[in-house]
Amino acid sequence: MSPRDLVAGLVAAYNEHDAERHASWYAHDATVHPAGWTHAVDVTAWISAFTLMLEAFPDLTVHPALVTSG
C-alpha cells in the first residue's frame, strides 16, 4: 500500500465519520500526535477524542493539501 492510499483511506473514514473504520487504518501499537496536544496518544485514546470531536462538530471534514513520504 502506498502512503497516498493510506492517507486516502484515513481521510475517507474520517470524513464519513466512521470511527471504527478510521481506527482500522492504524497499526495496533501506533501513536497519534494531534496538533496542539502536549503528547502522543494511543489509537484508543485518539478514536475516543475523534468521536467527541464529531459530536461537537457534526460537519467536520478534512482535506489534505499535500501528501509526502520519506
C-alpha atoms as a PDB file:
ATOM      1  CA  MET A   1       0.000   0.000   0.000  1.00  0.00           C
ATOM      2  CA  SER A   2       1.304   3.426  -0.876  1.00  0.00           C
ATOM      3  CA  PRO A   3       1.344   6.385   1.518  1.00  0.00           C
ATOM      4  CA  ARG A   4      -1.216   8.037  -0.758  1.00  0.00           C
ATOM      5  CA  ASP A   5      -3.560   5.032  -0.393  1.00  0.00           C
ATOM      6  CA  LEU A   6      -3.131   5.084   3.384  1.00  0.00           C
ATOM      7  CA  VAL A   7      -3.957   8.779   3.634  1.00  0.00           C
ATOM      8  CA  ALA A   8      -6.909   8.377   1.262  1.00  0.00           C
ATOM      9  CA  GLY A   9      -8.330   5.586   3.445  1.00  0.00           C
ATOM     10  CA  LEU A  10      -7.824   7.540   6.671  1.00  0.00           C
ATOM     11  CA  VAL A  11      -9.369  10.690   5.198  1.00  0.00           C
ATOM     12  CA  ALA A  12     -12.349   8.842   3.717  1.00  0.00           C
ATOM     13  CA  ALA A  13     -13.148   7.157   7.049  1.00  0.00           C
ATOM     14  CA  TYR A  14     -12.649  10.477   8.878  1.00  0.00           C
ATOM     15  CA  ASN A  15     -14.933  12.383   6.512  1.00  0.00           C
ATOM     16  CA  GLU A  16     -17.573   9.652   6.638  1.00  0.00           C
ATOM     17  CA  HIS A  17     -17.365   9.827  10.456  1.00  0.00           C
ATOM     18  CA  ASP A  18     -16.691   6.084  10.662  1.00  0.00           C
ATOM     19  CA  ALA A  19     -14.584   5.821  13.825  1.00  0.00           C
ATOM     20  CA  GLU A  20     -14.240   2.032  13.665  1.00  0.00           C
ATOM     21  CA  ARG A  21     -13.008   2.074  10.079  1.00  0.00           C
ATOM     22  CA  HIS A  22     -10.775   5.070  10.831  1.00  0.00           C
ATOM     23  CA  ALA A  23      -9.174   3.127  13.700  1.00  0.00           C
ATOM     24  CA  SER A  24      -8.631   0.101  11.462  1.00  0.00           C
ATOM     25  CA  TRP A  25      -6.099   2.039   9.368  1.00  0.00           C
ATOM     26  CA  TYR A  26      -3.694   2.315  12.323  1.00  0.00           C
ATOM     27  CA  ALA A  27      -1.227  -0.354  13.455  1.00  0.00           C
ATOM     28  CA  HIS A  28      -2.155  -1.874  16.823  1.00  0.00           C
ATOM     29  CA  ASP A  29       0.800  -0.139  18.518  1.00  0.00           C
ATOM     30  CA  ALA A  30       0.531   3.193  16.686  1.00  0.00           C
ATOM     31  CA  THR A  31       0.577   6.553  18.398  1.00  0.00           C
ATOM     32  CA  VAL A  32      -1.141   9.669  17.143  1.00  0.00           C
ATOM     33  CA  HIS A  33       0.319  13.176  17.543  1.00  0.00           C
ATOM     34  CA  PRO A  34      -2.644  15.562  17.250  1.00  0.00           C
ATOM     35  CA  ALA A  35      -1.622  19.149  16.537  1.00  0.00           C
ATOM     36  CA  GLY A  36      -1.697  21.242  19.680  1.00  0.00           C
ATOM     37  CA  TRP A  37      -1.684  18.294  22.074  1.00  0.00           C
ATOM     38  CA  THR A  38       1.223  18.108  24.501  1.00  0.00           C
ATOM     39  CA  HIS A  39       1.899  14.399  23.914  1.00  0.00           C
ATOM     40  CA  ALA A  40       1.170  11.483  21.629  1.00  0.00           C
ATOM     41  CA  VAL A  41      -1.751   9.176  22.425  1.00  0.00           C
ATOM     42  CA  ASP A  42      -2.570   5.592  21.542  1.00  0.00           C
ATOM     43  CA  VAL A  43      -5.198   4.788  18.926  1.00  0.00           C
ATOM     44  CA  THR A  44      -7.888   4.012  21.516  1.00  0.00           C
ATOM     45  CA  ALA A  45      -7.496   7.475  23.066  1.00  0.00           C
ATOM     46  CA  TRP A  46      -7.411   9.105  19.644  1.00  0.00           C
ATOM     47  CA  ILE A  47     -10.613   7.392  18.493  1.00  0.00           C
ATOM     48  CA  SER A  48     -12.340   8.427  21.728  1.00  0.00           C
ATOM     49  CA  ALA A  49     -11.327  12.031  21.088  1.00  0.00           C
ATOM     50  CA  PHE A  50     -12.306  11.697  17.414  1.00  0.00           C
ATOM     51  CA  THR A  51     -15.793  10.534  18.424  1.00  0.00           C
ATOM     52  CA  LEU A  52     -16.179  13.501  20.782  1.00  0.00           C
ATOM     53  CA  MET A  53     -14.998  15.908  18.083  1.00  0.00           C
ATOM     54  CA  LEU A  54     -17.619  14.543  15.701  1.00  0.00           C
ATOM     55  CA  GLU A  55     -20.336  15.074  18.305  1.00  0.00           C
ATOM     56  CA  ALA A  56     -19.212  18.667  18.828  1.00  0.00           C
ATOM     57  CA  PHE A  57     -18.645  19.373  15.123  1.00  0.00           C
ATOM     58  CA  PRO A  58     -21.012  17.144  13.097  1.00  0.00           C
ATOM     59  CA  ASP A  59     -19.951  18.714   9.782  1.00  0.00           C
ATOM     60  CA  LEU A  60     -16.221  18.236  10.414  1.00  0.00           C
ATOM     61  CA  THR A  61     -14.187  17.138   7.405  1.00  0.00           C
ATOM     62  CA  VAL A  62     -10.523  17.237   6.439  1.00  0.00           C
ATOM     63  CA  HIS A  63      -8.985  17.905   3.040  1.00  0.00           C
ATOM     64  CA  PRO A  64      -5.264  17.189   2.781  1.00  0.00           C
ATOM     65  CA  ALA A  65      -3.420  19.590   0.522  1.00  0.00           C
ATOM     66  CA  LEU A  66      -0.133  17.729   0.237  1.00  0.00           C
ATOM     67  CA  VAL A  67       0.929  14.156   0.975  1.00  0.00           C
ATOM     68  CA  THR A  68       4.620  13.291   1.122  1.00  0.00           C
ATOM     69  CA  SER A  69       6.573  10.267   2.280  1.00  0.00           C
ATOM     70  CA  GLY A  70      10.169   9.581   3.082  1.00  0.00           C
END
